[in-house]
Amino acid sequence: MVKKIKLFLMRSNIIDLATGVVIGTAFQKIISAMIDKIFMPLVGVLVGGVNLKDRYAEVLTVKIGWGSPTSHV
């Protein structure tokens, strides 16, 4: 039984999927850090020193934060 499961896992794209998930998670953390530490402070300087972490847009009943990594719900 274990041999058949191992054969199925090795033949299928599960290893490719797992590799993609790991790489995607790492890439997401890198992009989030770049936006939080580099991009958003530059945007804040360009708009006149406004702290964008406190700003949000409200669409219907949902608040969308501009510079905050967490939601304002």
N, C-alpha and C. Protein backbone atom coordinates (compact mmCIF):
# COMPACT_ATOMS: atom_id res chain seq x y z
N MET A 1 0.82 -1.20 0.00
CA MET A 1 0.00 0.00 0.00
C MET A 1 0.86 1.26 0.00
N VAL A 2 1.85 1.32 0.87
CA VAL A 2 2.73 2.48 0.96
C VAL A 2 3.54 2.63 -0.32
N LYS A 3 3.92 1.50 -0.90
CA LYS A 3 4.68 1.53 -2.14
C LYS A 3 3.85 2.14 -3.28
N LYS A 4 2.55 1.79 -3.32
CA LYS A 4 1.67 2.34 -4.35
C LYS A 4 1.47 3.85 -4.15
N ILE A 5 1.31 4.27 -2.90
CA ILE A 5 1.15 5.71 -2.62
C ILE A 5 2.41 6.46 -3.02
N LYS A 6 3.56 5.91 -2.68
CA LYS A 6 4.83 6.55 -3.03
C LYS A 6 4.98 6.63 -4.55
N LEU A 7 4.60 5.58 -5.26
CA LEU A 7 4.68 5.58 -6.72
C LEU A 7 3.74 6.64 -7.30
N PHE A 8 2.52 6.76 -6.74
CA PHE A 8 1.57 7.77 -7.20
C PHE A 8 2.12 9.19 -6.97
N LEU A 9 2.67 9.42 -5.80
CA LEU A 9 3.21 10.75 -5.49
C LEU A 9 4.38 11.11 -6.39
N MET A 10 5.21 10.16 -6.70
CA MET A 10 6.38 10.43 -7.54
C MET A 10 5.97 10.63 -9.00
N ARG A 11 4.92 9.97 -9.45
CA ARG A 11 4.48 10.10 -10.83
C ARG A 11 3.68 11.36 -11.07
N SER A 12 2.95 11.78 -10.08
CA SER A 12 2.05 12.91 -10.28
C SER A 12 2.79 14.23 -10.11
N ASN A 13 2.04 15.29 -10.22
CA ASN A 13 2.62 16.62 -10.13
C ASN A 13 2.58 17.17 -8.71
N ILE A 14 2.43 16.32 -7.72
CA ILE A 14 2.35 16.78 -6.34
C ILE A 14 3.68 17.38 -5.89
N ILE A 15 4.77 16.80 -6.31
CA ILE A 15 6.08 17.36 -5.95
C ILE A 15 6.25 18.73 -6.59
N ASP A 16 5.84 18.88 -7.84
CA ASP A 16 5.90 20.18 -8.50
C ASP A 16 5.00 21.19 -7.79
N LEU A 17 3.84 20.75 -7.38
CA LEU A 17 2.91 21.63 -6.67
C LEU A 17 3.49 22.07 -5.33
N ALA A 18 4.06 21.15 -4.59
CA ALA A 18 4.67 21.49 -3.29
C ALA A 18 5.83 22.45 -3.47
N THR A 19 6.64 22.23 -4.49
CA THR A 19 7.75 23.14 -4.76
C THR A 19 7.23 24.52 -5.12
N GLY A 20 6.19 24.59 -5.90
CA GLY A 20 5.60 25.87 -6.27
C GLY A 20 5.03 26.61 -5.08
N VAL A 21 4.41 25.88 -4.17
CA VAL A 21 3.86 26.51 -2.96
C VAL A 21 4.97 27.09 -2.09
N VAL A 22 6.05 26.35 -1.92
CA VAL A 22 7.17 26.83 -1.11
C VAL A 22 7.80 28.07 -1.74
N ILE A 23 8.05 28.02 -3.03
CA ILE A 23 8.65 29.17 -3.72
C ILE A 23 7.69 30.36 -3.71
N GLY A 24 6.41 30.10 -3.92
CA GLY A 24 5.41 31.18 -3.90
C GLY A 24 5.32 31.86 -2.55
N THR A 25 5.38 31.08 -1.48
CA THR A 25 5.34 31.65 -0.13
C THR A 25 6.56 32.53 0.13
N ALA A 26 7.73 32.05 -0.25
CA ALA A 26 8.94 32.84 -0.06
C ALA A 26 8.89 34.11 -0.91
N PHE A 27 8.42 34.01 -2.14
CA PHE A 27 8.34 35.17 -3.03
C PHE A 27 7.35 36.19 -2.49
N GLN A 28 6.25 35.74 -1.92
CA GLN A 28 5.24 36.64 -1.34
C GLN A 28 5.84 37.42 -0.19
N LYS A 29 6.63 36.78 0.65
CA LYS A 29 7.25 37.48 1.78
C LYS A 29 8.26 38.51 1.30
N ILE A 30 9.00 38.19 0.25
CA ILE A 30 9.98 39.14 -0.29
C ILE A 30 9.27 40.36 -0.87
N ILE A 31 8.22 40.14 -1.64
CA ILE A 31 7.47 41.25 -2.23
C ILE A 31 6.81 42.10 -1.16
N SER A 32 6.23 41.47 -0.14
CA SER A 32 5.61 42.23 0.95
C SER A 32 6.63 43.10 1.67
N ALA A 33 7.80 42.57 1.93
CA ALA A 33 8.84 43.35 2.59
C ALA A 33 9.30 44.51 1.72
N MET A 34 9.44 44.29 0.43
CA MET A 34 9.85 45.38 -0.47
C MET A 34 8.80 46.49 -0.50
N ILE A 35 7.54 46.13 -0.54
CA ILE A 35 6.47 47.13 -0.57
C ILE A 35 6.43 47.90 0.75
N ASP A 36 6.50 47.17 1.88
CA ASP A 36 6.41 47.81 3.19
C ASP A 36 7.61 48.70 3.50
N LYS A 37 8.80 48.28 3.11
CA LYS A 37 10.02 48.99 3.51
C LYS A 37 10.57 49.95 2.46
N ILE A 38 10.26 49.73 1.18
CA ILE A 38 10.84 50.57 0.12
C ILE A 38 9.78 51.37 -0.61
N PHE A 39 8.79 50.68 -1.17
CA PHE A 39 7.83 51.33 -2.06
C PHE A 39 6.91 52.30 -1.34
N MET A 40 6.27 51.87 -0.25
CA MET A 40 5.30 52.73 0.44
C MET A 40 5.94 53.96 1.07
N PRO A 41 7.14 53.88 1.68
CA PRO A 41 7.76 55.12 2.16
C PRO A 41 8.07 56.11 1.03
N LEU A 42 8.47 55.59 -0.14
CA LEU A 42 8.72 56.48 -1.28
C LEU A 42 7.44 57.14 -1.75
N VAL A 43 6.35 56.40 -1.78
CA VAL A 43 5.07 56.98 -2.17
C VAL A 43 4.66 58.05 -1.15
N GLY A 44 4.90 57.78 0.12
CA GLY A 44 4.60 58.75 1.16
C GLY A 44 5.37 60.04 0.98
N VAL A 45 6.63 59.95 0.59
CA VAL A 45 7.45 61.14 0.34
C VAL A 45 6.93 61.89 -0.89
N LEU A 46 6.55 61.15 -1.92
CA LEU A 46 6.06 61.79 -3.14
C LEU A 46 4.74 62.53 -2.94
N VAL A 47 3.91 62.07 -2.02
CA VAL A 47 2.64 62.74 -1.79
C VAL A 47 2.72 63.75 -0.65
N GLY A 48 3.91 64.11 -0.26
CA GLY A 48 4.09 65.18 0.71
C GLY A 48 4.21 64.73 2.15
N GLY A 49 4.75 63.58 2.40
CA GLY A 49 4.99 63.13 3.76
C GLY A 49 3.76 62.60 4.48
N VAL A 50 2.74 62.22 3.75
CA VAL A 50 1.52 61.68 4.35
C VAL A 50 1.79 60.26 4.82
N ASN A 51 1.38 59.94 6.04
CA ASN A 51 1.51 58.58 6.55
C ASN A 51 0.40 57.73 5.96
N LEU A 52 0.73 56.88 5.01
CA LEU A 52 -0.27 56.10 4.30
C LEU A 52 -0.82 54.93 5.11
N LYS A 53 -0.18 54.58 6.22
CA LYS A 53 -0.67 53.47 7.02
C LYS A 53 -2.00 53.80 7.68
N ASP A 54 -2.27 55.08 7.88
CA ASP A 54 -3.52 55.49 8.52
C ASP A 54 -4.61 55.79 7.50
N ARG A 55 -4.32 55.74 6.23
CA ARG A 55 -5.28 56.07 5.18
C ARG A 55 -5.96 54.81 4.66
N TYR A 56 -7.22 54.95 4.29
CA TYR A 56 -7.95 53.83 3.72
C TYR A 56 -9.06 54.36 2.83
N ALA A 57 -9.51 53.52 1.94
CA ALA A 57 -10.65 53.84 1.07
C ALA A 57 -11.79 52.92 1.48
N GLU A 58 -12.98 53.47 1.51
CA GLU A 58 -14.14 52.67 1.88
C GLU A 58 -15.01 52.43 0.66
N VAL A 59 -15.17 51.16 0.31
CA VAL A 59 -16.00 50.76 -0.82
C VAL A 59 -17.14 49.92 -0.26
N LEU A 60 -18.35 50.45 -0.40
CA LEU A 60 -19.54 49.85 0.22
C LEU A 60 -19.30 49.74 1.72
N THR A 61 -19.15 48.54 2.25
CA THR A 61 -18.91 48.40 3.69
C THR A 61 -17.51 47.90 4.00
N VAL A 62 -16.64 47.86 3.00
CA VAL A 62 -15.29 47.33 3.17
C VAL A 62 -14.28 48.47 3.18
N LYS A 63 -13.39 48.46 4.17
CA LYS A 63 -12.32 49.45 4.24
C LYS A 63 -11.04 48.82 3.67
N ILE A 64 -10.45 49.49 2.68
CA ILE A 64 -9.25 49.00 2.03
C ILE A 64 -8.09 49.89 2.47
N GLY A 65 -7.14 49.33 3.22
CA GLY A 65 -5.99 50.10 3.69
C GLY A 65 -4.98 50.32 2.59
N TRP A 66 -4.45 51.54 2.51
CA TRP A 66 -3.47 51.85 1.47
C TRP A 66 -2.08 51.34 1.83
N GLY A 67 -1.63 51.60 3.03
CA GLY A 67 -0.25 51.25 3.36
C GLY A 67 -0.12 50.25 4.48
N SER A 68 -1.21 49.74 4.96
CA SER A 68 -1.17 48.82 6.07
C SER A 68 -1.18 47.37 5.59
N PRO A 69 -0.28 46.52 6.12
CA PRO A 69 -0.30 45.13 5.72
C PRO A 69 -1.47 44.36 6.30
N THR A 70 -2.16 44.91 7.32
CA THR A 70 -3.31 44.25 7.89
C THR A 70 -4.58 44.95 7.45
N SER A 71 -5.68 44.25 7.49
CA SER A 71 -6.94 44.83 7.01
C SER A 71 -7.56 45.71 8.09
N HIS A 72 -8.41 46.65 7.68
CA HIS A 72 -9.11 47.54 8.59
C HIS A 72 -10.57 47.17 8.68
N VAL A 73 -10.88 45.90 8.71
CA VAL A 73 -12.29 45.47 8.71
C VAL A 73 -12.83 45.51 10.12
